Amino acid sequence: MATGTDVEVRRAVRASRRAPRTSGSLRLQRVGFAILRPFLIFIPVFVFGTFITFLLGTLSGLNPAYVQLGDAATPAAVARLNHQYGLDRPFIVQYWSWFTDLLHGSLGVSWTDGVPISTMIGQRIGISLSVAIVALIIGVVFGAAFGTLAAVFRTSWIDRVITGITSLMSALPPFTVGIVLVAVFAVQLHALPSAGYVSLSSGFGVWFSHVILPATALSLDMVAGVARQLRAGLVSASGQNYVIGALVHGLSPRRIFFVHQLRNGGGPALALVGLNFPTLLGGAVVTESIFGLSGYGVFASTSALHGDVPAVQGVLVVSIVIVVGFNLLINIALNRIDPAAKRGV
C-alpha cells in the first residue's frame, strides 16, 4: 500500500510532465526543425539529381572507344574499353558504383585524356564561382536599393523611372550586355581588361578588374527581379495590420520599416535569389566565351562536344551540389527571417 509521501511524489511527477515547456525550449526546437527540414529535402533531391544525371549519360549512347579511337574502333577494342570503364555491367550496378565513388569525392576519369574529372573541374570552378558570386552581390545590393526606393516613393516619378530601368535590364540578354561592356570599358576607355582571369591570390584589385565586367553582364536580370519582388513585398507589407498598429503606437517610421516591413516583405525577394542562382551558373557558358574565361562552363560545353560523358556528368553533379546547397542556405535564412516561412506558408 502506497504511503502519502509516495502519492505526493507521483502527483509531482505527473504535474511536471504536464507542465508547459518553456519558451526557450520551444524556440530551440523550432530553430532545430527549421534547419533540419531543408537538410531532409536536400538528400532526396541530391539522390534524384545524380540518378537522372547518370541516366542521361547512359541514354546518350556514347562510348569511350569511339571517343578515343574514332572510326578505327574495332569490336575487340570496344569490348576491352567497355570492360575497363565498367560499362558492360548492368545499369543499376554501374550507377551504384559511380554513386559510391561520388560520395568519396571521385567524379571518375575523363574519356579523352584520362585525367581525374575532379582535378579538371577544381582548376576551373574558382573562375566560374568568382564571377557568379560577384554577380550575386551586385544583383542583391542594387536590386535591394532599387526595390526599396521604388517602394518608399511608390507612384512617384522615382518609382516609374526605376520600373522602366528594371524592365530594360530584364530584357537585355547577357551576351549582348557583355559585348557592349567590352566595347565601352575595354576597347574605348581602356579602363578594364577585355578577357582573361587572374586569381584572387594575385591581389584583389587585379582580380576584381577581370571579373567585374562578366559579373555585371550576368547580374542585370537578378537586379531587375530582386527590385520588382522587393518593391511588391514592401508595398504589400505596408498595408498590413501590424504596420498600421505600429504607427498607431507611435513607433518611428525607420523602426517600422527595418524591423517589421522589411522582414515580412523581403521574403519573396530572398526566395527569388535562390531561384535565380542557377541562372548565374548556367549563363557562365556564354559569358565565359565572350570574356575568354576558362571556367567550368566552357569546360562543360567542350566536354559535351567531344562526347566526354563522365566530364559532363561531373559538371552536372557539381552544379547540383552548388545550387541545392545555396538554396539550402536560402531556406534556412527564410525560416529565420520570414515569419510566414516558419509556419510553412
Protein backbone atom coordinates (compact mmCIF):
# COMPACT_ATOMS: atom_id res chain seq x y z
CA MET A 1 0.00 0.00 0.00
CA ALA A 2 1.39 3.35 -1.04
CA THR A 3 2.12 5.89 1.62
CA GLY A 4 1.12 9.53 1.48
CA THR A 5 4.65 10.53 0.53
CA ASP A 6 4.64 8.16 -2.46
CA VAL A 7 1.33 9.56 -3.66
CA GLU A 8 2.63 13.12 -3.47
CA VAL A 9 5.78 12.15 -5.39
CA ARG A 10 3.69 10.57 -8.16
CA ARG A 11 1.50 13.64 -8.36
CA ALA A 12 4.56 15.86 -8.64
CA VAL A 13 5.98 13.71 -11.46
CA ARG A 14 2.69 13.81 -13.40
CA ALA A 15 2.43 17.54 -12.88
CA SER A 16 5.95 18.07 -14.19
CA ARG A 17 5.12 16.04 -17.30
CA ARG A 18 2.00 18.14 -17.90
CA ALA A 19 3.83 21.39 -17.21
CA PRO A 20 4.14 23.61 -20.28
CA ARG A 21 7.55 23.77 -21.86
CA THR A 22 9.47 26.98 -21.50
CA SER A 23 9.66 29.46 -24.35
CA GLY A 24 13.39 28.81 -24.61
CA SER A 25 12.96 25.10 -25.28
CA LEU A 26 10.17 25.74 -27.79
CA ARG A 27 12.30 28.30 -29.61
CA LEU A 28 15.22 25.88 -29.71
CA GLN A 29 13.01 23.15 -31.15
CA ARG A 30 11.62 25.49 -33.82
CA VAL A 31 15.11 26.61 -34.85
CA GLY A 32 16.32 22.99 -34.96
CA PHE A 33 13.36 21.93 -37.10
CA ALA A 34 13.82 24.94 -39.41
CA ILE A 35 17.44 23.89 -40.01
CA LEU A 36 16.73 20.14 -40.22
CA ARG A 37 13.84 20.38 -42.69
CA PRO A 38 15.91 21.82 -45.60
CA PHE A 39 18.57 19.14 -44.97
CA LEU A 40 15.91 16.44 -45.24
CA ILE A 41 14.84 17.96 -48.56
CA PHE A 42 18.45 18.15 -49.79
CA ILE A 43 19.09 14.40 -49.55
CA PRO A 44 16.34 13.11 -51.90
CA VAL A 45 16.92 15.99 -54.33
CA PHE A 46 20.62 15.14 -54.49
CA VAL A 47 19.99 11.41 -54.99
CA PHE A 48 17.34 12.03 -57.65
CA GLY A 49 19.55 14.58 -59.44
CA THR A 50 22.52 12.23 -59.56
CA PHE A 51 20.32 9.37 -60.81
CA ILE A 52 18.91 11.49 -63.67
CA THR A 53 22.42 12.72 -64.49
CA PHE A 54 23.78 9.18 -64.76
CA LEU A 55 20.70 8.00 -66.68
CA LEU A 56 21.09 10.75 -69.29
CA GLY A 57 24.74 9.84 -69.73
CA THR A 58 23.78 6.20 -70.31
CA LEU A 59 20.99 7.10 -72.75
CA SER A 60 23.37 9.27 -74.78
CA GLY A 61 24.77 6.10 -76.35
CA LEU A 62 28.32 7.47 -76.36
CA ASN A 63 31.19 5.08 -75.84
CA PRO A 64 34.81 5.67 -74.72
CA ALA A 65 36.11 3.51 -77.56
CA TYR A 66 34.57 5.72 -80.23
CA VAL A 67 35.64 8.86 -78.36
CA GLN A 68 39.26 7.71 -78.09
CA LEU A 69 39.65 5.67 -81.30
CA GLY A 70 37.04 7.17 -83.61
CA ASP A 71 36.31 5.21 -86.76
CA ALA A 72 39.29 2.94 -86.07
CA ALA A 73 37.49 1.32 -83.13
CA THR A 74 37.20 -2.43 -83.58
CA PRO A 75 34.69 -4.66 -81.77
CA ALA A 76 37.53 -6.05 -79.67
CA ALA A 77 38.70 -2.55 -78.70
CA VAL A 78 35.14 -1.53 -77.86
CA ALA A 79 34.67 -4.58 -75.63
CA ARG A 80 38.03 -4.00 -73.93
CA LEU A 81 37.33 -0.35 -73.10
CA ASN A 82 33.77 -1.09 -72.03
CA HIS A 83 35.14 -3.63 -69.55
CA GLN A 84 37.84 -1.20 -68.43
CA TYR A 85 35.29 1.51 -67.63
CA GLY A 86 32.74 -0.97 -66.27
CA LEU A 87 30.18 -0.26 -68.99
CA ASP A 88 29.50 -3.98 -69.55
CA ARG A 89 27.77 -4.27 -66.17
CA PRO A 90 24.00 -3.79 -65.50
CA PHE A 91 22.83 -0.18 -65.29
CA ILE A 92 21.95 -0.22 -61.59
CA VAL A 93 25.35 -1.73 -60.74
CA GLN A 94 27.09 0.98 -62.76
CA TYR A 95 25.06 3.69 -61.05
CA TRP A 96 25.72 2.35 -57.55
CA SER A 97 29.46 2.10 -58.20
CA TRP A 98 29.50 5.63 -59.63
CA PHE A 99 27.38 6.99 -56.76
CA THR A 100 29.56 5.42 -54.04
CA ASP A 101 32.67 6.83 -55.73
CA LEU A 102 30.89 10.18 -55.82
CA LEU A 103 30.28 10.10 -52.08
CA HIS A 104 34.04 9.56 -51.62
CA GLY A 105 34.84 12.61 -53.75
CA SER A 106 35.68 10.84 -57.00
CA LEU A 107 33.93 12.01 -60.18
CA GLY A 108 35.58 9.48 -62.43
CA VAL A 109 38.17 9.79 -65.17
CA SER A 110 37.88 11.69 -68.43
CA TRP A 111 37.40 9.60 -71.55
CA THR A 112 39.50 11.95 -73.66
CA ASP A 113 42.74 12.35 -71.69
CA GLY A 114 42.44 10.06 -68.63
CA VAL A 115 42.75 12.91 -66.09
CA PRO A 116 40.56 12.77 -62.95
CA ILE A 117 37.49 14.93 -63.52
CA SER A 118 37.58 16.34 -60.00
CA THR A 119 41.03 17.76 -60.77
CA MET A 120 39.88 19.27 -64.07
CA ILE A 121 36.80 20.88 -62.52
CA GLY A 122 38.77 22.06 -59.48
CA GLN A 123 41.11 24.00 -61.77
CA ARG A 124 38.17 25.86 -63.34
CA ILE A 125 35.41 26.15 -60.78
CA GLY A 126 37.12 29.03 -58.98
CA ILE A 127 36.74 31.16 -62.11
CA SER A 128 33.04 30.45 -62.50
CA LEU A 129 32.29 30.90 -58.80
CA SER A 130 34.19 34.19 -58.71
CA VAL A 131 32.03 35.60 -61.49
CA ALA A 132 28.81 34.13 -60.06
CA ILE A 133 29.44 35.41 -56.52
CA VAL A 134 30.28 38.94 -57.68
CA ALA A 135 27.19 38.90 -59.92
CA LEU A 136 25.12 37.72 -56.95
CA ILE A 137 26.41 40.56 -54.77
CA ILE A 138 25.69 43.12 -57.49
CA GLY A 139 22.20 41.72 -58.01
CA VAL A 140 21.30 41.70 -54.32
CA VAL A 141 22.78 45.11 -53.45
CA PHE A 142 21.46 47.09 -56.41
CA GLY A 143 18.20 45.15 -56.57
CA ALA A 144 17.52 45.83 -52.88
CA ALA A 145 18.38 49.52 -53.31
CA PHE A 146 16.12 49.93 -56.35
CA GLY A 147 13.28 47.95 -54.79
CA THR A 148 13.42 49.90 -51.54
CA LEU A 149 13.45 53.27 -53.31
CA ALA A 150 10.57 52.24 -55.55
CA ALA A 151 8.53 51.09 -52.53
CA VAL A 152 9.25 54.15 -50.41
CA PHE A 153 8.43 56.55 -53.28
CA ARG A 154 5.74 54.42 -54.90
CA THR A 155 3.53 56.01 -57.58
CA SER A 156 6.08 58.84 -57.89
CA TRP A 157 8.41 59.60 -60.79
CA ILE A 158 11.19 57.74 -58.95
CA ASP A 159 9.07 54.60 -58.90
CA ARG A 160 8.30 54.94 -62.61
CA VAL A 161 11.94 55.51 -63.56
CA ILE A 162 13.13 52.50 -61.54
CA THR A 163 10.37 50.35 -63.04
CA GLY A 164 11.46 51.36 -66.55
CA ILE A 165 15.14 50.68 -65.82
CA THR A 166 14.50 47.26 -64.33
CA SER A 167 12.22 46.32 -67.22
CA LEU A 168 15.03 47.21 -69.64
CA MET A 169 17.53 45.22 -67.59
CA SER A 170 15.40 42.09 -67.66
CA ALA A 171 15.01 42.35 -71.46
CA LEU A 172 18.75 42.53 -72.22
CA PRO A 173 20.49 39.17 -72.84
CA PRO A 174 23.82 38.74 -71.01
CA PHE A 175 25.86 38.13 -74.17
CA THR A 176 24.68 41.44 -75.68
CA VAL A 177 25.48 43.31 -72.47
CA GLY A 178 28.88 41.61 -72.34
CA ILE A 179 29.79 42.71 -75.86
CA VAL A 180 28.74 46.29 -75.11
CA LEU A 181 30.72 46.36 -71.86
CA VAL A 182 33.85 45.12 -73.64
CA ALA A 183 33.44 47.70 -76.41
CA VAL A 184 33.00 50.57 -73.95
CA PHE A 185 35.22 49.83 -70.96
CA ALA A 186 37.97 47.76 -72.60
CA VAL A 187 38.22 48.99 -76.20
CA GLN A 188 37.18 52.63 -75.93
CA LEU A 189 38.12 53.64 -72.38
CA HIS A 190 40.93 51.10 -71.78
CA ALA A 191 39.79 51.03 -68.15
CA LEU A 192 39.33 47.28 -67.70
CA PRO A 193 40.77 44.15 -69.34
CA SER A 194 38.65 42.63 -72.08
CA ALA A 195 39.47 38.98 -71.37
CA GLY A 196 41.35 36.60 -69.12
CA TYR A 197 41.35 35.81 -65.44
CA VAL A 198 43.73 36.42 -62.55
CA SER A 199 43.30 34.57 -59.25
CA LEU A 200 42.49 36.37 -56.03
CA SER A 201 45.89 35.41 -54.62
CA SER A 202 47.50 37.84 -57.09
CA GLY A 203 45.69 40.78 -55.48
CA PHE A 204 42.12 41.93 -55.00
CA GLY A 205 42.33 44.84 -57.42
CA VAL A 206 43.60 42.91 -60.43
CA TRP A 207 41.22 40.02 -59.66
CA PHE A 208 38.24 42.35 -59.39
CA SER A 209 39.13 44.13 -62.64
CA HIS A 210 38.93 40.81 -64.51
CA VAL A 211 35.59 39.62 -63.05
CA ILE A 212 33.57 42.85 -62.81
CA LEU A 213 32.58 43.01 -66.49
CA PRO A 214 31.33 39.40 -66.85
CA ALA A 215 29.67 39.64 -63.42
CA THR A 216 27.87 42.83 -64.43
CA ALA A 217 26.65 41.20 -67.64
CA LEU A 218 25.23 38.29 -65.64
CA SER A 219 23.72 40.34 -62.82
CA LEU A 220 21.26 42.61 -64.65
CA ASP A 221 18.39 40.12 -64.69
CA MET A 222 18.84 39.45 -60.97
CA VAL A 223 18.89 43.18 -60.21
CA ALA A 224 15.58 43.57 -62.02
CA GLY A 225 13.98 40.53 -60.38
CA VAL A 226 15.04 41.40 -56.83
CA ALA A 227 13.91 45.02 -57.28
CA ARG A 228 10.45 44.02 -58.53
CA GLN A 229 9.89 41.36 -55.87
CA LEU A 230 11.13 43.56 -53.03
CA ARG A 231 9.01 46.51 -54.15
CA ALA A 232 5.89 44.33 -54.35
CA GLY A 233 6.61 42.74 -50.96
CA LEU A 234 7.23 46.06 -49.21
CA VAL A 235 4.15 47.70 -50.70
CA SER A 236 2.03 44.72 -49.65
CA ALA A 237 3.50 44.72 -46.14
CA SER A 238 2.91 48.45 -45.69
CA GLY A 239 -0.87 47.90 -45.69
CA GLN A 240 -0.87 45.08 -43.15
CA ASN A 241 -2.48 45.49 -39.73
CA TYR A 242 0.78 45.12 -37.80
CA VAL A 243 2.28 48.10 -39.65
CA ILE A 244 -0.81 50.22 -39.04
CA GLY A 245 -0.81 49.16 -35.39
CA ALA A 246 2.87 50.10 -35.03
CA LEU A 247 2.12 53.56 -36.45
CA VAL A 248 -0.75 54.00 -34.02
CA HIS A 249 1.52 53.04 -31.11
CA GLY A 250 3.97 55.75 -32.11
CA LEU A 251 6.91 53.69 -33.42
CA SER A 252 9.29 55.56 -35.67
CA PRO A 253 8.95 55.00 -39.43
CA ARG A 254 12.56 53.78 -39.61
CA ARG A 255 11.96 51.15 -36.92
CA ILE A 256 8.72 50.04 -38.56
CA PHE A 257 10.44 49.68 -41.94
CA PHE A 258 13.55 47.77 -40.87
CA VAL A 259 12.06 45.68 -38.04
CA HIS A 260 8.60 44.86 -39.39
CA GLN A 261 8.04 45.86 -43.01
CA LEU A 262 11.37 44.76 -44.50
CA ARG A 263 11.44 41.49 -42.55
CA ASN A 264 7.97 40.46 -43.70
CA GLY A 265 8.12 41.90 -47.21
CA GLY A 266 11.64 40.76 -48.14
CA GLY A 267 10.84 37.03 -48.21
CA PRO A 268 9.81 36.85 -51.90
CA ALA A 269 12.94 38.71 -52.98
CA LEU A 270 15.16 36.38 -50.94
CA ALA A 271 13.42 33.35 -52.43
CA LEU A 272 13.99 34.78 -55.91
CA VAL A 273 17.72 34.99 -55.20
CA GLY A 274 17.74 31.24 -54.57
CA LEU A 275 15.74 30.55 -57.73
CA ASN A 276 17.94 32.77 -59.93
CA PHE A 277 21.29 31.49 -58.70
CA PRO A 278 21.25 28.56 -61.19
CA THR A 279 20.85 31.17 -63.95
CA LEU A 280 24.17 32.70 -62.93
CA LEU A 281 25.88 29.34 -63.28
CA GLY A 282 24.05 28.45 -66.49
CA GLY A 283 24.85 31.80 -68.07
CA ALA A 284 28.54 31.24 -67.42
CA VAL A 285 28.89 29.25 -70.66
CA VAL A 286 28.14 32.23 -72.93
CA THR A 287 29.72 34.83 -70.67
CA GLU A 288 32.97 32.90 -70.27
CA SER A 289 33.22 32.54 -74.04
CA ILE A 290 32.85 36.30 -74.55
CA PHE A 291 35.40 37.25 -71.89
CA GLY A 292 37.87 34.46 -72.61
CA LEU A 293 37.47 32.76 -69.23
CA SER A 294 38.43 29.10 -68.91
CA GLY A 295 35.73 28.36 -66.36
CA TYR A 296 33.82 25.18 -65.86
CA GLY A 297 31.03 26.41 -68.14
CA VAL A 298 33.39 26.37 -71.11
CA PHE A 299 34.77 23.06 -69.83
CA ALA A 300 31.26 21.60 -69.84
CA SER A 301 30.50 22.72 -73.38
CA THR A 302 33.87 21.47 -74.66
CA SER A 303 33.39 18.11 -72.95
CA ALA A 304 29.91 17.77 -74.44
CA LEU A 305 31.22 18.49 -77.94
CA HIS A 306 33.93 15.84 -77.52
CA GLY A 307 31.47 13.28 -76.14
CA ASP A 308 33.22 13.06 -72.77
CA VAL A 309 30.23 11.77 -70.78
CA PRO A 310 31.96 11.42 -67.36
CA ALA A 311 33.16 15.03 -67.56
CA VAL A 312 29.67 16.31 -68.36
CA GLN A 313 28.23 14.20 -65.55
CA GLY A 314 30.83 15.61 -63.17
CA VAL A 315 29.89 19.18 -64.11
CA LEU A 316 26.20 18.44 -63.60
CA VAL A 317 26.83 16.86 -60.19
CA VAL A 318 28.92 19.81 -59.04
CA SER A 319 26.19 22.17 -60.27
CA ILE A 320 23.55 20.19 -58.37
CA VAL A 321 25.57 20.37 -55.15
CA ILE A 322 26.22 24.11 -55.52
CA VAL A 323 22.64 25.02 -56.42
CA VAL A 324 20.95 22.77 -53.84
CA GLY A 325 23.46 23.82 -51.17
CA PHE A 326 22.86 27.50 -51.90
CA ASN A 327 19.10 27.04 -51.80
CA LEU A 328 19.55 25.18 -48.51
CA LEU A 329 21.12 28.31 -47.06
CA ILE A 330 18.33 30.45 -48.54
CA ASN A 331 15.68 28.22 -46.93
CA ILE A 332 17.42 28.42 -43.56
CA ALA A 333 17.58 32.22 -43.88
CA LEU A 334 13.91 32.39 -44.87
CA ASN A 335 12.89 30.28 -41.88
CA ARG A 336 14.94 32.57 -39.67
CA ILE A 337 13.78 35.89 -41.12
CA ASP A 338 10.28 35.49 -42.55
CA PRO A 339 7.57 34.61 -40.00
CA ALA A 340 5.36 33.15 -42.74
CA ALA A 341 8.10 30.71 -43.76
CA LYS A 342 8.29 29.39 -40.20
CA ARG A 343 4.64 28.45 -40.42
CA GLY A 344 5.19 26.76 -43.80
CA VAL A 345 3.15 29.41 -45.66
